[in-house]
Structures are given as C-alpha cells and as structure tokens.
Protein backbone atom coordinates (compact mmCIF):
# COMPACT_ATOMS: atom_id res chain seq x y z
CA MET A 1 147.25 -46.36 -13.72
CA THR A 2 147.60 -45.14 -10.17
CA ILE A 3 146.34 -46.50 -6.87
CA ASN A 4 146.16 -44.08 -3.97
CA GLY A 5 148.26 -41.64 -6.03
CA GLN A 6 151.08 -44.16 -6.64
CA GLN A 7 151.75 -44.85 -10.32
CA LEU A 8 151.89 -48.57 -10.97
CA VAL A 9 151.54 -49.02 -14.72
CA GLU A 10 152.56 -46.90 -17.69
CA ASN A 11 151.65 -48.68 -20.89
CA SER A 12 153.26 -46.42 -23.48
CA ALA A 13 151.80 -45.32 -26.80
CA GLY A 14 154.02 -47.81 -28.60
CA ASN A 15 152.29 -50.77 -26.98
CA ARG A 16 149.24 -52.35 -28.55
CA TRP A 17 146.15 -53.61 -26.72
CA TRP A 18 147.56 -57.15 -26.49
CA ASP A 19 150.73 -55.89 -24.75
CA ALA A 20 149.61 -56.27 -21.15
CA ASP A 21 151.57 -54.64 -18.35
CA THR A 22 151.40 -55.75 -14.73
CA ALA A 23 152.29 -54.41 -11.31
CA THR A 24 151.97 -55.59 -7.73
CA ILE A 25 150.92 -53.58 -4.69
CA ASP A 26 150.06 -54.46 -1.09
CA LEU A 27 146.64 -53.14 -0.12
CA THR A 28 145.11 -52.89 3.32
CA GLU A 29 141.49 -53.70 3.96
CA GLY A 30 139.20 -50.83 3.05
CA THR A 31 138.59 -48.34 0.23
CA HIS A 32 141.27 -47.33 -2.29
CA THR A 33 141.30 -44.86 -5.18
CA ILE A 34 142.15 -46.31 -8.59
CA THR A 35 142.72 -43.95 -11.49
CA THR A 36 143.17 -45.11 -15.10
CA ALA A 37 144.02 -42.63 -17.85
CA TYR A 38 143.77 -43.85 -21.44
CA PHE A 39 143.45 -42.67 -25.02
CA ARG A 40 142.28 -44.05 -28.35
CA GLY A 41 145.20 -45.63 -30.19
CA GLU A 42 145.94 -45.79 -33.88
CA SER A 43 143.10 -45.35 -36.33
CA GLY A 44 141.35 -48.62 -37.04
CA ASP A 45 142.33 -50.34 -33.80
CA PRO A 46 139.44 -51.62 -31.70
CA PRO A 47 138.76 -49.55 -28.57
CA VAL A 48 139.94 -51.99 -25.92
CA LEU A 49 140.56 -51.34 -22.24
CA SER A 50 141.15 -54.14 -19.75
CA LEU A 51 141.77 -54.03 -16.03
CA MET A 52 142.34 -57.36 -14.29
CA ALA A 53 143.06 -58.15 -10.65
CA GLU A 54 144.16 -61.17 -8.65
CA GLY A 55 145.67 -61.86 -5.26
CA PRO A 56 146.21 -64.46 -2.55
CA GLY A 57 143.10 -66.62 -2.58
CA ILE A 58 141.53 -64.45 -5.31
CA GLU A 59 141.39 -65.79 -8.86
CA LYS A 60 142.24 -63.51 -11.75
CA HIS A 61 139.11 -61.60 -12.68
CA ALA A 62 137.98 -58.60 -14.71
CA LEU A 63 137.25 -55.19 -13.20
CA HIS A 64 136.32 -53.64 -16.55
CA ALA A 65 132.88 -53.58 -18.11
CA PRO A 66 132.18 -56.40 -20.60
CA SER A 67 131.82 -53.89 -23.43
CA ALA A 68 135.35 -52.54 -22.80
CA PHE A 69 137.06 -55.78 -23.77
CA PRO A 70 135.45 -58.31 -26.16
CA ALA A 71 135.14 -61.77 -24.60
CA GLY A 72 137.06 -63.40 -27.44
CA LEU A 73 140.14 -61.33 -26.61
CA GLN A 74 140.14 -61.87 -22.86
CA ASP A 75 142.83 -63.90 -21.16
CA VAL A 76 140.73 -64.99 -18.19
CA ASP A 77 141.14 -68.24 -16.35
CA GLN A 78 138.26 -70.44 -17.42
CA PRO A 79 135.85 -71.09 -14.54
CA SER A 80 135.10 -74.66 -13.65
CA ILE A 81 132.80 -76.56 -11.31
CA LYS A 82 134.43 -77.45 -8.02
CA ASP A 83 134.75 -81.03 -6.86
CA THR A 84 131.52 -81.98 -5.09
CA ASP A 85 133.04 -84.76 -2.94
CA GLY A 86 131.12 -87.58 -4.61
CA LYS A 87 127.79 -85.76 -4.64
CA PRO A 88 125.71 -84.96 -7.74
CA ILE A 89 125.22 -81.40 -8.87
CA LEU A 90 122.23 -79.68 -10.47
CA MET A 91 122.33 -76.52 -12.57
CA HIS A 92 119.38 -74.58 -13.98
CA GLY A 93 119.50 -72.90 -17.36
CA PHE A 94 118.41 -72.81 -20.97
CA MET A 95 119.01 -75.94 -23.06
CA GLU A 96 119.11 -75.92 -26.84
CA MET A 97 117.10 -78.64 -28.55
CA PRO A 98 116.39 -79.44 -32.22
CA ASP A 99 112.95 -77.78 -32.07
CA ARG A 100 113.77 -74.74 -29.91
CA VAL A 101 115.53 -73.56 -26.77
CA HIS A 102 113.87 -74.98 -23.67
CA PRO A 103 114.01 -72.29 -20.95
CA HIS A 104 113.17 -74.19 -17.75
CA THR A 105 115.62 -77.08 -17.63
CA ALA A 106 118.03 -78.72 -15.24
CA ALA A 107 121.35 -80.41 -15.98
CA ILE A 108 122.23 -83.07 -13.43
CA GLY A 109 125.85 -84.16 -13.17
CA TYR A 110 126.75 -87.37 -11.36
CA PRO A 111 130.18 -88.28 -9.96
CA GLU A 112 130.08 -91.39 -12.17
CA ASP A 113 130.48 -88.99 -15.16
CA ILE A 114 127.05 -89.79 -16.53
CA HIS A 115 124.71 -86.83 -16.86
CA VAL A 116 121.15 -85.97 -17.81
CA GLY A 117 119.21 -82.91 -18.92
CA MET A 118 115.52 -82.64 -17.99
CA ASP A 119 112.71 -80.29 -18.95
CA LEU A 120 111.12 -79.06 -15.73
CA ASN A 121 108.06 -77.84 -17.64
CA ASN A 122 106.91 -81.34 -18.61
CA GLY A 123 109.21 -83.88 -16.89
CA SER A 124 110.81 -85.19 -20.08
CA LEU A 125 114.42 -86.25 -20.55
CA LEU A 126 116.18 -83.96 -23.03
CA LYS A 127 119.76 -85.23 -23.21
CA LEU A 128 122.07 -87.93 -21.86
CA TRP A 129 125.84 -87.68 -22.01
CA LYS A 130 129.03 -88.96 -20.42
CA GLY A 131 132.40 -87.40 -19.62
CA GLU A 132 132.73 -83.73 -18.77
CA PHE A 133 129.60 -82.28 -17.18
CA LEU A 134 129.27 -78.69 -18.41
CA ASP A 135 131.40 -75.90 -19.80
CA VAL A 136 130.37 -73.08 -17.47
CA SER A 137 132.66 -70.43 -19.02
CA THR A 138 129.78 -69.20 -21.19
CA MET A 139 128.05 -68.04 -18.00
CA TRP A 140 131.02 -65.95 -16.81
CA VAL A 141 133.20 -64.79 -19.69
CA GLY A 142 132.10 -61.59 -21.39
CA ARG A 143 128.47 -60.75 -20.74
CA GLY A 144 127.71 -64.21 -19.40
CA GLY A 145 124.38 -65.90 -19.88
CA GLY A 146 123.85 -68.25 -22.78
CA ASN A 147 122.62 -71.84 -22.83
CA LEU A 148 123.91 -74.73 -20.77
CA SER A 149 126.96 -75.81 -22.75
CA LEU A 150 127.91 -79.48 -23.09
CA ASP A 151 129.61 -81.81 -25.55
CA GLU A 152 126.72 -82.09 -28.01
CA GLU A 153 128.51 -84.57 -30.27
CA SER A 154 128.68 -87.19 -27.54
CA ALA A 155 125.16 -86.59 -26.21
CA LEU A 156 121.99 -88.55 -26.87
CA THR A 157 119.44 -85.87 -27.73
CA PHE A 158 115.72 -86.53 -27.54
CA ASN A 159 112.89 -84.36 -28.85
CA GLY A 160 111.64 -82.75 -25.64
CA ALA A 161 108.03 -83.89 -25.99
CA PRO A 162 106.24 -84.86 -22.77
CA SER A 163 106.65 -88.45 -21.58
CA LEU A 164 102.98 -88.71 -20.52
CA ALA A 165 99.95 -88.23 -22.76
CA PHE A 166 96.27 -89.12 -22.96
CA LEU A 167 95.49 -90.87 -26.27
CA ASP A 168 91.98 -91.41 -27.60
CA ASN A 169 93.10 -94.73 -29.11
CA ARG A 170 96.24 -96.67 -29.95
CA GLU A 171 96.62 -94.81 -33.26
CA THR A 172 96.40 -91.26 -31.87
CA ALA A 173 99.56 -89.23 -32.63
CA TRP A 174 101.81 -88.37 -29.71
CA PRO A 175 101.67 -84.64 -28.82
CA ASP A 176 104.74 -82.42 -29.25
CA SER A 177 103.85 -80.40 -26.14
CA LEU A 178 101.56 -80.63 -23.13
CA GLN A 179 97.99 -81.24 -24.18
CA GLU A 180 95.38 -78.57 -23.46
CA GLN A 181 93.62 -80.81 -20.95
CA VAL A 182 96.87 -81.64 -19.11
CA SER A 183 98.36 -79.53 -16.32
CA PHE A 184 101.90 -80.11 -15.08
CA ASP A 185 103.02 -78.81 -11.68
CA LEU A 186 106.58 -79.44 -10.49
CA GLN A 187 106.31 -79.61 -6.72
CA SER A 188 109.82 -80.46 -5.52
CA TYR A 189 113.09 -82.16 -6.31
CA GLN A 190 115.88 -83.49 -4.14
CA PHE A 191 118.70 -86.02 -4.12
CA GLY A 192 118.13 -89.26 -2.23
CA GLU A 193 120.50 -91.23 -0.03
CA GLU A 194 121.88 -93.07 -3.07
CA ASN A 195 122.38 -89.82 -5.04
CA GLN A 196 119.28 -90.45 -7.15
CA LEU A 197 117.40 -87.39 -8.32
CA ILE A 198 113.81 -87.51 -7.04
CA LEU A 199 111.27 -85.26 -8.72
CA GLN A 200 107.76 -84.88 -7.36
CA TYR A 201 105.20 -83.45 -9.75
CA GLN A 202 101.47 -83.48 -10.34
CA VAL A 203 99.83 -84.20 -13.69
CA ASN A 204 96.18 -83.13 -13.44
CA ASP A 205 95.06 -84.84 -10.20
CA MET A 206 97.72 -87.57 -10.40
CA GLN A 207 100.87 -87.61 -8.24
CA VAL A 208 104.12 -88.72 -9.87
CA GLU A 209 107.47 -89.58 -8.29
CA ASP A 210 110.21 -89.67 -10.91
CA GLN A 211 113.68 -90.99 -9.99
CA VAL A 212 116.80 -90.84 -12.17
CA ALA A 213 120.21 -92.26 -11.25
CA PRO A 214 123.29 -93.96 -12.73
CA HIS A 215 123.19 -97.76 -12.73
CA ASN A 216 125.86 -100.40 -13.18
CA GLY A 217 128.67 -97.90 -12.81
CA ASN A 218 128.42 -95.32 -15.56
CA ARG A 219 127.18 -97.69 -18.22
CA GLU A 220 123.44 -97.16 -17.71
CA LEU A 221 120.94 -94.60 -16.50
CA LEU A 222 117.99 -95.93 -14.49
CA ARG A 223 114.63 -94.17 -14.51
CA THR A 224 111.78 -95.24 -12.21
CA ILE A 225 108.38 -93.53 -12.22
CA HIS A 226 105.67 -94.25 -9.66
CA PHE A 227 102.07 -93.03 -10.05
CA SER A 228 99.36 -92.58 -7.44
CA GLY A 229 95.85 -91.10 -7.39
CA GLY A 230 93.97 -89.53 -10.24
CA SER A 231 92.55 -91.00 -13.43
CA SER A 232 94.54 -93.20 -15.80
CA ASP A 233 91.91 -93.54 -18.54
CA ASN A 234 93.75 -93.62 -21.89
CA LEU A 235 97.02 -92.59 -20.21
CA TYR A 236 100.28 -93.69 -21.83
CA PHE A 237 103.97 -93.27 -21.12
CA ARG A 238 106.43 -93.03 -24.00
CA ILE A 239 109.80 -94.61 -23.24
CA ALA A 240 111.49 -94.07 -26.60
CA LYS A 241 111.03 -92.70 -30.09
CA GLY A 242 113.16 -93.42 -33.14
CA GLU A 243 113.28 -94.18 -36.80
CA SER A 244 113.31 -97.87 -35.86
CA ILE A 245 112.73 -99.81 -32.64
CA SER A 246 113.14 -103.57 -32.41
CA GLU A 247 113.34 -106.11 -29.60
CA LEU A 248 116.51 -108.18 -29.34
CA PRO A 249 116.60 -111.84 -28.28
CA ASN A 250 117.87 -110.83 -24.82
CA GLY A 251 114.75 -108.69 -24.25
CA LEU A 252 116.45 -105.31 -24.78
CA PHE A 253 115.04 -102.84 -27.28
CA GLN A 254 117.44 -101.27 -29.76
CA ILE A 255 116.72 -97.73 -30.92
CA ASN A 256 117.89 -96.57 -34.35
CA ASP A 257 120.12 -99.55 -35.07
CA LYS A 258 121.69 -99.58 -31.59
CA THR A 259 122.18 -95.83 -31.17
CA TYR A 260 121.16 -96.77 -27.66
CA LEU A 261 119.37 -99.64 -25.92
CA ILE A 262 116.42 -99.75 -23.52
CA ASN A 263 116.42 -102.38 -20.79
CA ILE A 264 112.89 -102.76 -19.40
CA GLY A 265 112.58 -103.36 -15.65
CA ASP A 266 110.67 -106.30 -14.20
CA GLU A 267 107.77 -104.03 -13.17
CA THR A 268 107.25 -102.99 -16.79
CA LYS A 269 108.03 -106.15 -18.79
CA GLY A 270 105.12 -107.53 -20.75
CA GLN A 271 103.31 -104.17 -20.83
CA THR A 272 105.28 -102.38 -23.53
CA TRP A 273 104.38 -102.27 -27.20
CA VAL A 274 105.99 -100.74 -30.28
CA ARG A 275 103.86 -98.84 -32.76
CA ARG A 276 104.49 -97.08 -36.06
CA ASN A 277 103.49 -93.39 -35.98
CA GLY A 278 104.12 -91.81 -39.36
CA ASP A 279 107.80 -92.11 -40.19
CA VAL A 280 108.89 -92.99 -36.63
CA GLU A 281 108.36 -95.82 -34.17
CA GLU A 282 107.53 -95.45 -30.48
CA LEU A 283 107.93 -97.66 -27.42
CA LEU A 284 104.87 -97.10 -25.23
CA VAL A 285 103.47 -98.32 -21.92
CA PRO A 286 99.77 -98.00 -20.99
CA ILE A 287 99.08 -96.86 -17.41
CA THR A 288 96.22 -99.10 -16.33
CA ASP A 289 96.24 -99.43 -12.52
CA ILE A 290 97.11 -95.94 -11.32
CA GLU A 291 97.29 -96.91 -7.63
CA ASN A 292 100.00 -99.49 -8.24
CA ALA A 293 101.61 -98.28 -11.46
CA THR A 294 105.41 -98.25 -11.60
CA ILE A 295 107.49 -97.91 -14.76
CA SER A 296 111.17 -98.83 -14.65
CA TYR A 297 113.69 -98.92 -17.48
CA ARG A 298 117.38 -98.25 -18.18
CA TYR A 299 119.20 -96.42 -20.95
CA VAL A 300 122.27 -98.29 -22.17
CA TRP A 301 124.75 -96.55 -24.48
C-alpha cells in the first residue's frame, strides 16, 4: 500500500489475512492518493481485504467496503453510546417481538438504568429492562442495520397489542392490533423537566397524553395516561395480560406468579377488574369520564 507514492505496507505472500500489518504517516489537510495492490491468496482461502484507519481524535474505522471483509472477522472497536450527562436517550429502530418485528418503535434509556421499548404505531409498551441500554454495534459493524439489540433474557416482553380498545361488552376479546374503526396518530414526543417521556397522540377524536418515567430509583416504572375530548363509549385500557393475575393483600397485582407486579395509582384504584379471556387473564380499566380520565400505575420487577 502506498500513500502519495510512498510505500507504507508490504504484506508478503507468506502472510495470511489475519496477519495485519500497520504503518504510520503524517498527513496534511487535503486530498491524498492511496493505492492498494492485492492478489488472491491460496486456493480455498476467503477473499478478504481490509483497510483500517485511525488517528488523533479519530477512532479506528474501516475504509473498505463491507463485502470485502466479513463482519465476524473484523477487529473494530465496538461503538457505544456516549454519556448523556444524566439525560435520557431515545433511539428509533426495529424491535423483535414474539409475534413479529415491529418496525416503528422507540427504545428509551434512562440514567437510572431502567429502560422501555414502545410501539409508536399504537402507543403500547413492548419491553422493560434494566442494566445496559442497547448494544449498538449491530448498527455499525459490517453492513449495519438490524433490530434494536438488548439483553432479551433480562427483559420483560409484552405482546405488542394496543393498550386501548373499544369492546362491545365485558366478554369481547381484546384485539391483537388496532381495530378497523380506530385511528392512531402520534403527534409529538419530548422529555419533560423530570426526564419523563411525554407522548402526545390522538385516538380517533380523543387526545391522549402518555407519560413514562422511572420511579423510586430504578425499582419501578411509572406510566400516567390522561385523556381529553372525544367519545369514551365502551372504551377500555388494558394494563396487563398474563396466564394468571391476582390481587395481593397490599393491593398490588401479581402477574404470572410474581414475574412482575402492578401498583395501581390512587387515580385508578377501585376501577380495575380482572377477567378471564380464553387461556389468559387481563387487568382492565374502563374509561368512563373522558374529560377527567387519568390512569396511573407502576411496573415493579
């Protein structure tokens, strides 16, 4: 390899693709000519060519095309999310769920190391997890792309169905996706003064403000939803779904034998009810007075 006619690297025929050679050169600002001559090695070896660069204030990075060097063979520093100085961070992407990959989602990472994934197509919570926020290397190494990558084993994963639905009666099955008569329009989202995520969306002619934030350190996640305008006839909100849901003596609801707990806020106490729907149970809240309806509850896990 030469730069501006000066030979820097000569990786001989006896070296294999994993035998990297390095050289250092001082470059002035501007355009430089880089020439790389190469040949196919021994029969059966994979065709691999890698050219990496780094410098003062410049992390080691690839100059070659992704197809020239398979991602699994690359020795690239793994990218990471920079410290956000105590502020939450939001990343868009695809999120894999048990039913399918949800394409329009957001992962919200809080400095308290408690995080949440939300579906921006219907306002539902998809995942909750603690610890490391995301592994972003899948977006940069090789061809990049891929789904938002997190520690799935430690995450609470829900089913991605909408949280709001219109039910003809108390026995009507909960829909897996937005109902035909329901429109969902995400209008805006921002972080409030206390780092809470505030989503504003419209469901039919009803305005919804949906807030999500850590509570009690990193031990709980608080969700508060306020409704205004529109019609609330036969409108319900589903807080939880599980194989079993039961109320404990302290007023908390345990989901799936304490996989996680739901702590109902004062605004919502006395309105919830648990119903059996096929082989699962659901914790529901009817929305009766749309002008003054507020639902508040906390996930504890």
